[in-house]
PDB file of all heavy atoms in Angstrom:
ATOM      1  N   LEU A   1      95.480 105.068 113.092  1.00  0.00           N
ATOM      2  CA  LEU A   1      94.463 105.877 112.427  1.00  0.00           C
ATOM      3  C   LEU A   1      93.400 104.940 111.856  1.00  0.00           C
ATOM      4  O   LEU A   1      93.706 104.022 111.089  1.00  0.00           O
ATOM      5  CB  LEU A   1      95.087 106.704 111.301  1.00  0.00           C
ATOM      6  CG  LEU A   1      94.139 107.631 110.528  1.00  0.00           C
ATOM      7  CD1 LEU A   1      93.650 108.760 111.428  1.00  0.00           C
ATOM      8  CD2 LEU A   1      94.839 108.200 109.290  1.00  0.00           C
ATOM      9  N   TYR A   2      92.154 105.173 112.248  1.00  0.00           N
ATOM     10  CA  TYR A   2      91.033 104.346 111.803  1.00  0.00           C
ATOM     11  C   TYR A   2      90.269 105.111 110.711  1.00  0.00           C
ATOM     12  O   TYR A   2      89.911 106.280 110.894  1.00  0.00           O
ATOM     13  CB  TYR A   2      90.120 104.008 112.980  1.00  0.00           C
ATOM     14  CG  TYR A   2      90.801 103.095 113.978  1.00  0.00           C
ATOM     15  CD1 TYR A   2      91.731 103.595 114.891  1.00  0.00           C
ATOM     16  CD2 TYR A   2      90.562 101.726 113.976  1.00  0.00           C
ATOM     17  CE1 TYR A   2      92.388 102.758 115.780  1.00  0.00           C
ATOM     18  CE2 TYR A   2      91.201 100.881 114.864  1.00  0.00           C
ATOM     19  CZ  TYR A   2      92.120 101.399 115.764  1.00  0.00           C
ATOM     20  OH  TYR A   2      92.770 100.560 116.632  1.00  0.00           O
ATOM     21  N   VAL A   3      90.008 104.444 109.595  1.00  0.00           N
ATOM     22  CA  VAL A   3      89.441 105.095 108.416  1.00  0.00           C
ATOM     23  C   VAL A   3      88.152 104.386 108.007  1.00  0.00           C
ATOM     24  O   VAL A   3      88.156 103.173 107.750  1.00  0.00           O
ATOM     25  CB  VAL A   3      90.434 105.073 107.239  1.00  0.00           C
ATOM     26  CG1 VAL A   3      89.885 105.886 106.071  1.00  0.00           C
ATOM     27  CG2 VAL A   3      91.810 105.572 107.661  1.00  0.00           C
ATOM     28  N   ALA A   4      87.046 105.123 107.951  1.00  0.00           N
ATOM     29  CA  ALA A   4      85.756 104.556 107.543  1.00  0.00           C
ATOM     30  C   ALA A   4      85.657 104.558 106.024  1.00  0.00           C
ATOM     31  O   ALA A   4      85.673 105.614 105.390  1.00  0.00           O
ATOM     32  CB  ALA A   4      84.612 105.372 108.143  1.00  0.00           C
ATOM     33  N   ASN A   5      85.551 103.378 105.423  1.00  0.00           N
ATOM     34  CA  ASN A   5      85.455 103.250 103.968  1.00  0.00           C
ATOM     35  C   ASN A   5      83.990 103.079 103.558  1.00  0.00           C
ATOM     36  O   ASN A   5      83.292 102.211 104.079  1.00  0.00           O
ATOM     37  CB  ASN A   5      86.266 102.047 103.491  1.00  0.00           C
ATOM     38  CG  ASN A   5      87.736 102.162 103.871  1.00  0.00           C
ATOM     39  OD1 ASN A   5      88.374 103.176 103.607  1.00  0.00           O
ATOM     40  ND2 ASN A   5      88.273 101.138 104.509  1.00  0.00           N
ATOM     41  N   SER A   6      83.540 103.891 102.600  1.00  0.00           N
ATOM     42  CA  SER A   6      82.131 103.869 102.205  1.00  0.00           C
ATOM     43  C   SER A   6      81.865 103.040 100.950  1.00  0.00           C
ATOM     44  O   SER A   6      80.867 102.324 100.869  1.00  0.00           O
ATOM     45  CB  SER A   6      81.627 105.296 101.982  1.00  0.00           C
ATOM     46  OG  SER A   6      82.214 105.855 100.815  1.00  0.00           O
ATOM     47  N   GLY A   7      82.724 103.173  99.939  1.00  0.00           N
ATOM     48  CA  GLY A   7      82.436 102.540  98.651  1.00  0.00           C
ATOM     49  C   GLY A   7      81.276 103.199  97.941  1.00  0.00           C
ATOM     50  O   GLY A   7      80.630 102.581  97.083  1.00  0.00           O
ATOM     51  N   GLY A   8      81.012 104.479  98.261  1.00  0.00           N
ATOM     52  CA  GLY A   8      79.858 105.172  97.692  1.00  0.00           C
ATOM     53  C   GLY A   8      79.889 105.288  96.179  1.00  0.00           C
ATOM     54  O   GLY A   8      78.891 105.001  95.500  1.00  0.00           O
ATOM     55  N   TYR A   9      81.009 105.701  95.613  1.00  0.00           N
ATOM     56  CA  TYR A   9      81.114 105.797  94.156  1.00  0.00           C
ATOM     57  C   TYR A   9      80.989 104.411  93.518  1.00  0.00           C
ATOM     58  O   TYR A   9      80.383 104.243  92.470  1.00  0.00           O
ATOM     59  CB  TYR A   9      82.460 106.393  93.752  1.00  0.00           C
ATOM     60  CG  TYR A   9      82.572 107.889  93.886  1.00  0.00           C
ATOM     61  CD1 TYR A   9      81.530 108.660  94.399  1.00  0.00           C
ATOM     62  CD2 TYR A   9      83.723 108.545  93.484  1.00  0.00           C
ATOM     63  CE1 TYR A   9      81.651 110.020  94.525  1.00  0.00           C
ATOM     64  CE2 TYR A   9      83.857 109.913  93.592  1.00  0.00           C
ATOM     65  CZ  TYR A   9      82.816 110.659  94.118  1.00  0.00           C
ATOM     66  OH  TYR A   9      82.945 112.011  94.223  1.00  0.00           O
ATOM     67  N   ARG A  10      81.611 103.439  94.158  1.00  0.00           N
ATOM     68  CA  ARG A  10      81.591 102.074  93.633  1.00  0.00           C
ATOM     69  C   ARG A  10      80.151 101.570  93.496  1.00  0.00           C
ATOM     70  O   ARG A  10      79.783 100.963  92.489  1.00  0.00           O
ATOM     71  CB  ARG A  10      82.390 101.190  94.587  1.00  0.00           C
ATOM     72  CG  ARG A  10      82.923  99.904  93.991  1.00  0.00           C
ATOM     73  CD  ARG A  10      84.046  99.391  94.872  1.00  0.00           C
ATOM     74  NE  ARG A  10      84.463  98.059  94.456  1.00  0.00           N
ATOM     75  CZ  ARG A  10      84.288  96.953  95.161  1.00  0.00           C
ATOM     76  NH1 ARG A  10      83.698  97.015  96.330  1.00  0.00           N
ATOM     77  NH2 ARG A  10      84.713  95.796  94.711  1.00  0.00           N
ATOM     78  N   ALA A  11      79.335 101.834  94.514  1.00  0.00           N
ATOM     79  CA  ALA A  11      77.939 101.411  94.469  1.00  0.00           C
ATOM     80  C   ALA A  11      77.159 102.160  93.397  1.00  0.00           C
ATOM     81  O   ALA A  11      76.246 101.609  92.769  1.00  0.00           O
ATOM     82  CB  ALA A  11      77.292 101.622  95.840  1.00  0.00           C
ATOM     83  N   MET A  12      77.511 103.429  93.169  1.00  0.00           N
ATOM     84  CA  MET A  12      76.835 104.210  92.135  1.00  0.00           C
ATOM     85  C   MET A  12      77.008 103.589  90.756  1.00  0.00           C
ATOM     86  O   MET A  12      76.139 103.723  89.879  1.00  0.00           O
ATOM     87  CB  MET A  12      77.397 105.637  92.105  1.00  0.00           C
ATOM     88  CG  MET A  12      76.915 106.552  93.210  1.00  0.00           C
ATOM     89  SD  MET A  12      77.808 108.136  93.215  1.00  0.00           S
ATOM     90  CE  MET A  12      77.560 108.668  91.522  1.00  0.00           C
ATOM     91  N   TYR A  13      78.125 102.917  90.548  1.00  0.00           N
ATOM     92  CA  TYR A  13      78.429 102.346  89.235  1.00  0.00           C
ATOM     93  C   TYR A  13      78.241 100.830  89.202  1.00  0.00           C
ATOM     94  O   TYR A  13      78.877 100.132  88.430  1.00  0.00           O
ATOM     95  CB  TYR A  13      79.843 102.730  88.815  1.00  0.00           C
ATOM     96  CG  TYR A  13      79.953 104.182  88.424  1.00  0.00           C
ATOM     97  CD1 TYR A  13      80.275 105.150  89.377  1.00  0.00           C
ATOM     98  CD2 TYR A  13      79.696 104.595  87.124  1.00  0.00           C
ATOM     99  CE1 TYR A  13      80.352 106.493  89.031  1.00  0.00           C
ATOM    100  CE2 TYR A  13      79.769 105.933  86.766  1.00  0.00           C
ATOM    101  CZ  TYR A  13      80.093 106.877  87.722  1.00  0.00           C
ATOM    102  OH  TYR A  13      80.165 108.215  87.377  1.00  0.00           O
ATOM    103  N   GLY A  14      77.354 100.327  90.077  1.00  0.00           N
ATOM    104  CA  GLY A  14      76.961  98.929  90.003  1.00  0.00           C
ATOM    105  C   GLY A  14      77.752  97.972  90.859  1.00  0.00           C
ATOM    106  O   GLY A  14      77.467  96.765  90.866  1.00  0.00           O
ATOM    107  N   GLY A  15      78.727  98.454  91.603  1.00  0.00           N
ATOM    108  CA  GLY A  15      79.508  97.595  92.482  1.00  0.00           C
ATOM    109  C   GLY A  15      78.895  97.510  93.868  1.00  0.00           C
ATOM    110  O   GLY A  15      77.746  97.912  94.093  1.00  0.00           O
ATOM    111  N   ASP A  16      79.661  96.996  94.816  1.00  0.00           N
ATOM    112  CA  ASP A  16      79.201  96.857  96.194  1.00  0.00           C
ATOM    113  C   ASP A  16      79.743  97.980  97.059  1.00  0.00           C
ATOM    114  O   ASP A  16      80.845  98.498  96.828  1.00  0.00           O
ATOM    115  CB  ASP A  16      79.665  95.517  96.776  1.00  0.00           C
ATOM    116  CG  ASP A  16      79.045  94.332  96.063  1.00  0.00           C
ATOM    117  OD1 ASP A  16      77.875  94.440  95.641  1.00  0.00           O
ATOM    118  OD2 ASP A  16      79.744  93.305  95.918  1.00  0.00           O
ATOM    119  N   TYR A  17      78.983  98.349  98.086  1.00  0.00           N
ATOM    120  CA  TYR A  17      79.504  99.263  99.096  1.00  0.00           C
ATOM    121  C   TYR A  17      80.677  98.590  99.813  1.00  0.00           C
ATOM    122  O   TYR A  17      80.731  97.359  99.942  1.00  0.00           O
ATOM    123  CB  TYR A  17      78.434  99.604 100.130  1.00  0.00           C
ATOM    124  CG  TYR A  17      77.384 100.569  99.646  1.00  0.00           C
ATOM    125  CD1 TYR A  17      76.085 100.143  99.385  1.00  0.00           C
ATOM    126  CD2 TYR A  17      77.677 101.913  99.470  1.00  0.00           C
ATOM    127  CE1 TYR A  17      75.109 101.029  98.954  1.00  0.00           C
ATOM    128  CE2 TYR A  17      76.713 102.811  99.047  1.00  0.00           C
ATOM    129  CZ  TYR A  17      75.428 102.363  98.786  1.00  0.00           C
ATOM    130  OH  TYR A  17      74.469 103.240  98.353  1.00  0.00           O
ATOM    131  N   ASP A  18      81.612  99.389 100.267  1.00  0.00           N
ATOM    132  CA  ASP A  18      82.660  98.865 101.141  1.00  0.00           C
ATOM    133  C   ASP A  18      82.048  98.608 102.513  1.00  0.00           C
ATOM    134  O   ASP A  18      81.042  99.222 102.883  1.00  0.00           O
ATOM    135  CB  ASP A  18      83.813  99.868 101.238  1.00  0.00           C
ATOM    136  CG  ASP A  18      85.144  99.230 101.612  1.00  0.00           C
ATOM    137  OD1 ASP A  18      85.126  98.237 102.354  1.00  0.00           O
ATOM    138  OD2 ASP A  18      86.192  99.726 101.164  1.00  0.00           O
ATOM    139  N   ASN A  19      82.662  97.710 103.271  1.00  0.00           N
ATOM    140  CA  ASN A  19      82.153  97.408 104.617  1.00  0.00           C
ATOM    141  C   ASN A  19      83.296  97.325 105.629  1.00  0.00           C
ATOM    142  O   ASN A  19      83.203  96.609 106.611  1.00  0.00           O
ATOM    143  CB  ASN A  19      81.364  96.095 104.616  1.00  0.00           C
ATOM    144  CG  ASN A  19      82.236  94.879 104.325  1.00  0.00           C
ATOM    145  OD1 ASN A  19      83.342  95.010 103.810  1.00  0.00           O
ATOM    146  ND2 ASN A  19      81.739  93.691 104.658  1.00  0.00           N
ATOM    147  N   THR A  20      84.374  98.071 105.370  1.00  0.00           N
ATOM    148  CA  THR A  20      85.571  97.920 106.193  1.00  0.00           C
ATOM    149  C   THR A  20      86.053  99.231 106.801  1.00  0.00           C
ATOM    150  O   THR A  20      85.786 100.316 106.282  1.00  0.00           O
ATOM    151  CB  THR A  20      86.736  97.333 105.367  1.00  0.00           C
ATOM    152  OG1 THR A  20      87.099  98.266 104.335  1.00  0.00           O
ATOM    153  CG2 THR A  20      86.356  96.010 104.752  1.00  0.00           C
ATOM    154  N   VAL A  21      86.772  99.085 107.897  1.00  0.00           N
ATOM    155  CA  VAL A  21      87.575 100.156 108.486  1.00  0.00           C
ATOM    156  C   VAL A  21      89.036  99.786 108.267  1.00  0.00           C
ATOM    157  O   VAL A  21      89.467  98.688 108.644  1.00  0.00           O
ATOM    158  CB  VAL A  21      87.271 100.317 109.985  1.00  0.00           C
ATOM    159  CG1 VAL A  21      88.326 101.194 110.657  1.00  0.00           C
ATOM    160  CG2 VAL A  21      85.887 100.922 110.184  1.00  0.00           C
ATOM    161  N   SER A  22      89.783 100.680 107.640  1.00  0.00           N
ATOM    162  CA  SER A  22      91.225 100.470 107.467  1.00  0.00           C
ATOM    163  C   SER A  22      91.949 100.998 108.697  1.00  0.00           C
ATOM    164  O   SER A  22      91.619 102.077 109.211  1.00  0.00           O
ATOM    165  CB  SER A  22      91.732 101.195 106.223  1.00  0.00           C
ATOM    166  OG  SER A  22      91.125 100.686 105.051  1.00  0.00           O
ATOM    167  N   VAL A  23      92.928 100.250 109.185  1.00  0.00           N
ATOM    168  CA  VAL A  23      93.694 100.637 110.372  1.00  0.00           C
ATOM    169  C   VAL A  23      95.139 100.878 109.956  1.00  0.00           C
ATOM    170  O   VAL A  23      95.824  99.965 109.475  1.00  0.00           O
ATOM    171  CB  VAL A  23      93.629  99.550 111.461  1.00  0.00           C
ATOM    172  CG1 VAL A  23      94.362 100.022 112.719  1.00  0.00           C
ATOM    173  CG2 VAL A  23      92.174  99.211 111.789  1.00  0.00           C
ATOM    174  N   ILE A  24      95.605 102.105 110.141  1.00  0.00           N
ATOM    175  CA  ILE A  24      96.965 102.496 109.748  1.00  0.00           C
ATOM    176  C   ILE A  24      97.831 102.631 110.987  1.00  0.00           C
ATOM    177  O   ILE A  24      97.463 103.332 111.942  1.00  0.00           O
ATOM    178  CB  ILE A  24      96.952 103.824 108.969  1.00  0.00           C
ATOM    179  CG1 ILE A  24      96.128 103.687 107.678  1.00  0.00           C
ATOM    180  CG2 ILE A  24      98.369 104.286 108.646  1.00  0.00           C
ATOM    181  CD1 ILE A  24      95.941 104.997 106.928  1.00  0.00           C
ATOM    182  N   ASP A  25      98.986 101.964 110.991  1.00  0.00           N
ATOM    183  CA  ASP A  25      99.981 102.125 112.053  1.00  0.00           C
ATOM    184  C   ASP A  25     100.695 103.448 111.820  1.00  0.00           C
ATOM    185  O   ASP A  25     101.394 103.628 110.820  1.00  0.00           O
ATOM    186  CB  ASP A  25     100.977 100.961 111.994  1.00  0.00           C
ATOM    187  CG  ASP A  25     101.989 101.008 113.139  1.00  0.00           C
ATOM    188  OD1 ASP A  25     102.249 102.110 113.672  1.00  0.00           O
ATOM    189  OD2 ASP A  25     102.546  99.952 113.476  1.00  0.00           O
ATOM    190  N   LEU A  26     100.506 104.405 112.728  1.00  0.00           N
ATOM    191  CA  LEU A  26     101.052 105.741 112.510  1.00  0.00           C
ATOM    192  C   LEU A  26     102.563 105.805 112.686  1.00  0.00           C
ATOM    193  O   LEU A  26     103.205 106.726 112.187  1.00  0.00           O
ATOM    194  CB  LEU A  26     100.364 106.749 113.433  1.00  0.00           C
ATOM    195  CG  LEU A  26      98.887 107.009 113.102  1.00  0.00           C
ATOM    196  CD1 LEU A  26      98.276 107.977 114.096  1.00  0.00           C
ATOM    197  CD2 LEU A  26      98.733 107.546 111.680  1.00  0.00           C
ATOM    198  N   SER A  27     103.154 104.834 113.370  1.00  0.00           N
ATOM    199  CA  SER A  27     104.611 104.848 113.537  1.00  0.00           C
ATOM    200  C   SER A  27     105.323 104.540 112.226  1.00  0.00           C
ATOM    201  O   SER A  27     106.445 104.996 111.994  1.00  0.00           O
ATOM    202  CB  SER A  27     105.042 103.845 114.610  1.00  0.00           C
ATOM    203  OG  SER A  27     104.741 102.516 114.212  1.00  0.00           O
ATOM    204  N   THR A  28     104.670 103.776 111.362  1.00  0.00           N
ATOM    205  CA  THR A  28     105.261 103.424 110.063  1.00  0.00           C
ATOM    206  C   THR A  28     104.453 103.967 108.894  1.00  0.00           C
ATOM    207  O   THR A  28     104.900 103.922 107.751  1.00  0.00           O
ATOM    208  CB  THR A  28     105.349 101.896 109.914  1.00  0.00           C
ATOM    209  OG1 THR A  28     104.023 101.339 109.987  1.00  0.00           O
ATOM    210  CG2 THR A  28     106.214 101.302 111.017  1.00  0.00           C
ATOM    211  N   PHE A  29     103.267 104.466 109.178  1.00  0.00           N
ATOM    212  CA  PHE A  29     102.288 104.928 108.192  1.00  0.00           C
ATOM    213  C   PHE A  29     102.055 103.867 107.118  1.00  0.00           C
ATOM    214  O   PHE A  29     102.128 104.115 105.914  1.00  0.00           O
ATOM    215  CB  PHE A  29     102.698 106.253 107.555  1.00  0.00           C
ATOM    216  CG  PHE A  29     101.508 107.007 106.984  1.00  0.00           C
ATOM    217  CD1 PHE A  29     100.446 107.350 107.796  1.00  0.00           C
ATOM    218  CD2 PHE A  29     101.450 107.346 105.641  1.00  0.00           C
ATOM    219  CE1 PHE A  29      99.335 108.017 107.286  1.00  0.00           C
ATOM    220  CE2 PHE A  29     100.349 108.007 105.118  1.00  0.00           C
ATOM    221  CZ  PHE A  29      99.294 108.355 105.941  1.00  0.00           C
ATOM    222  N   THR A  30     101.791 102.664 107.586  1.00  0.00           N
ATOM    223  CA  THR A  30     101.448 101.538 106.709  1.00  0.00           C
ATOM    224  C   THR A  30     100.168 100.893 107.214  1.00  0.00           C
ATOM    225  O   THR A  30      99.826 101.002 108.403  1.00  0.00           O
ATOM    226  CB  THR A  30     102.566 100.483 106.676  1.00  0.00           C
ATOM    227  OG1 THR A  30     102.823 100.026 108.011  1.00  0.00           O
ATOM    228  CG2 THR A  30     103.846 101.062 106.069  1.00  0.00           C
ATOM    229  N   LEU A  31      99.479 100.191 106.322  1.00  0.00           N
ATOM    230  CA  LEU A  31      98.236  99.528 106.688  1.00  0.00           C
ATOM    231  C   LEU A  31      98.526  98.367 107.632  1.00  0.00           C
ATOM    232  O   LEU A  31      99.260  97.444 107.298  1.00  0.00           O
ATOM    233  CB  LEU A  31      97.524  99.020 105.430  1.00  0.00           C
ATOM    234  CG  LEU A  31      96.120  98.457 105.640  1.00  0.00           C
ATOM    235  CD1 LEU A  31      95.153  99.545 106.087  1.00  0.00           C
ATOM    236  CD2 LEU A  31      95.622  97.793 104.350  1.00  0.00           C
ATOM    237  N   LYS A  32      97.926  98.414 108.822  1.00  0.00           N
ATOM    238  CA  LYS A  32      98.136  97.362 109.824  1.00  0.00           C
ATOM    239  C   LYS A  32      97.152  96.216 109.632  1.00  0.00           C
ATOM    240  O   LYS A  32      97.523  95.049 109.646  1.00  0.00           O
ATOM    241  CB  LYS A  32      98.002  97.940 111.225  1.00  0.00           C
ATOM    242  CG  LYS A  32      98.141  96.921 112.355  1.00  0.00           C
ATOM    243  CD  LYS A  32      97.963  97.582 113.713  1.00  0.00           C
ATOM    244  CE  LYS A  32      98.149  96.573 114.832  1.00  0.00           C
ATOM    245  NZ  LYS A  32      97.043  95.592 114.879  1.00  0.00           N
ATOM    246  N   CYS A  33      95.870  96.551 109.469  1.00  0.00           N
ATOM    247  CA  CYS A  33      94.843  95.534 109.298  1.00  0.00           C
ATOM    248  C   CYS A  33      93.576  96.180 108.765  1.00  0.00           C
ATOM    249  O   CYS A  33      93.472  97.411 108.658  1.00  0.00           O
ATOM    250  CB  CYS A  33      94.564  94.795 110.610  1.00  0.00           C
ATOM    251  SG  CYS A  33      93.854  95.829 111.924  1.00  0.00           S
ATOM    252  N   THR A  34      92.616  95.340 108.432  1.00  0.00           N
ATOM    253  CA  THR A  34      91.310  95.793 107.960  1.00  0.00           C
ATOM    254  C   THR A  34      90.231  95.106 108.795  1.00  0.00           C
ATOM    255  O   THR A  34      90.279  93.902 109.005  1.00  0.00           O
ATOM    256  CB  THR A  34      91.114  95.454 106.477  1.00  0.00           C
ATOM    257  OG1 THR A  34      92.138  96.110 105.709  1.00  0.00           O
ATOM    258  CG2 THR A  34      89.764  95.937 105.987  1.00  0.00           C
ATOM    259  N   ILE A  35      89.270  95.883 109.289  1.00  0.00           N
ATOM    260  CA  ILE A  35      88.203  95.364 110.131  1.00  0.00           C
ATOM    261  C   ILE A  35      86.890  95.373 109.351  1.00  0.00           C
ATOM    262  O   ILE A  35      86.471  96.426 108.847  1.00  0.00           O
ATOM    263  CB  ILE A  35      88.034  96.212 111.411  1.00  0.00           C
ATOM    264  CG1 ILE A  35      89.379  96.408 112.129  1.00  0.00           C
ATOM    265  CG2 ILE A  35      87.017  95.580 112.352  1.00  0.00           C
ATOM    266  CD1 ILE A  35      89.311  97.434 113.252  1.00  0.00           C
ATOM    267  N   GLU A  36      86.243  94.219 109.223  1.00  0.00           N
ATOM    268  CA  GLU A  36      84.920  94.174 108.603  1.00  0.00           C
ATOM    269  C   GLU A  36      83.893  94.696 109.601  1.00  0.00           C
ATOM    270  O   GLU A  36      83.808  94.216 110.734  1.00  0.00           O
ATOM    271  CB  GLU A  36      84.575  92.752 108.168  1.00  0.00           C
ATOM    272  CG  GLU A  36      85.368  92.269 106.964  1.00  0.00           C
ATOM    273  CD  GLU A  36      84.793  90.990 106.371  1.00  0.00           C
ATOM    274  OE1 GLU A  36      83.670  90.606 106.758  1.00  0.00           O
ATOM    275  OE2 GLU A  36      85.475  90.395 105.523  1.00  0.00           O
ATOM    276  N   VAL A  37      83.101  95.683 109.175  1.00  0.00           N
ATOM    277  CA  VAL A  37      82.171  96.331 110.103  1.00  0.00           C
ATOM    278  C   VAL A  37      80.735  96.263 109.577  1.00  0.00           C
ATOM    279  O   VAL A  37      79.945  95.443 110.013  1.00  0.00           O
ATOM    280  CB  VAL A  37      82.597  97.788 110.367  1.00  0.00           C
ATOM    281  CG1 VAL A  37      81.639  98.463 111.353  1.00  0.00           C
ATOM    282  CG2 VAL A  37      84.020  97.835 110.922  1.00  0.00           C
ATOM    283  N   ALA A  38      80.395  97.137 108.644  1.00  0.00           N
ATOM    284  CA  ALA A  38      79.052  97.191 108.059  1.00  0.00           C
ATOM    285  C   ALA A  38      79.164  97.970 106.756  1.00  0.00           C
ATOM    286  O   ALA A  38      80.180  98.620 106.493  1.00  0.00           O
ATOM    287  CB  ALA A  38      78.070  97.871 109.018  1.00  0.00           C
ATOM    288  N   VAL A  39      78.119  97.951 105.938  1.00  0.00           N
ATOM    289  CA  VAL A  39      78.228  98.568 104.620  1.00  0.00           C
ATOM    290  C   VAL A  39      78.115 100.085 104.687  1.00  0.00           C
ATOM    291  O   VAL A  39      77.468 100.642 105.569  1.00  0.00           O
ATOM    292  CB  VAL A  39      77.150  98.025 103.650  1.00  0.00           C
ATOM    293  CG1 VAL A  39      77.284  96.516 103.490  1.00  0.00           C
ATOM    294  CG2 VAL A  39      75.749  98.399 104.096  1.00  0.00           C
ATOM    295  N   ASN A  40      78.812 100.731 103.738  1.00  0.00           N
ATOM    296  CA  ASN A  40      78.650 102.171 103.518  1.00  0.00           C
ATOM    297  C   ASN A  40      78.958 102.979 104.778  1.00  0.00           C
ATOM    298  O   ASN A  40      78.128 103.734 105.278  1.00  0.00           O
ATOM    299  CB  ASN A  40      77.230 102.457 103.032  1.00  0.00           C
ATOM    300  CG  ASN A  40      77.073 103.844 102.436  1.00  0.00           C
ATOM    301  OD1 ASN A  40      78.052 104.555 102.209  1.00  0.00           O
ATOM    302  ND2 ASN A  40      75.830 104.221 102.178  1.00  0.00           N
ATOM    303  N   LEU A  41      80.174 102.829 105.285  1.00  0.00           N
ATOM    304  CA  LEU A  41      80.576 103.526 106.510  1.00  0.00           C
ATOM    305  C   LEU A  41      80.814 105.008 106.233  1.00  0.00           C
ATOM    306  O   LEU A  41      81.245 105.395 105.152  1.00  0.00           O
ATOM    307  CB  LEU A  41      81.841 102.890 107.079  1.00  0.00           C
ATOM    308  CG  LEU A  41      81.722 101.400 107.446  1.00  0.00           C
ATOM    309  CD1 LEU A  41      83.051 100.855 107.929  1.00  0.00           C
ATOM    310  CD2 LEU A  41      80.634 101.186 108.495  1.00  0.00           C
ATOM    311  N   PHE A  42      80.541 105.816 107.246  1.00  0.00           N
ATOM    312  CA  PHE A  42      80.703 107.263 107.050  1.00  0.00           C
ATOM    313  C   PHE A  42      81.294 107.960 108.268  1.00  0.00           C
ATOM    314  O   PHE A  42      82.416 108.398 108.263  1.00  0.00           O
ATOM    315  CB  PHE A  42      79.359 107.909 106.682  1.00  0.00           C
ATOM    316  CG  PHE A  42      79.414 109.408 106.678  1.00  0.00           C
ATOM    317  CD1 PHE A  42      80.127 110.082 105.700  1.00  0.00           C
ATOM    318  CD2 PHE A  42      78.776 110.157 107.661  1.00  0.00           C
ATOM    319  CE1 PHE A  42      80.215 111.467 105.710  1.00  0.00           C
ATOM    320  CE2 PHE A  42      78.846 111.536 107.681  1.00  0.00           C
ATOM    321  CZ  PHE A  42      79.561 112.198 106.696  1.00  0.00           C
TER     322      PHE A  42
END
């Protein structure tokens, strides 16, 4: 399962946008890896 992370709230409060896609292994439902992509993914 590939998940687009935005960091939208974080940026609203002075932080940075997220720039990653989280990858979940569905056989174990655990985080497999994180892919750096671009800011504010949707």
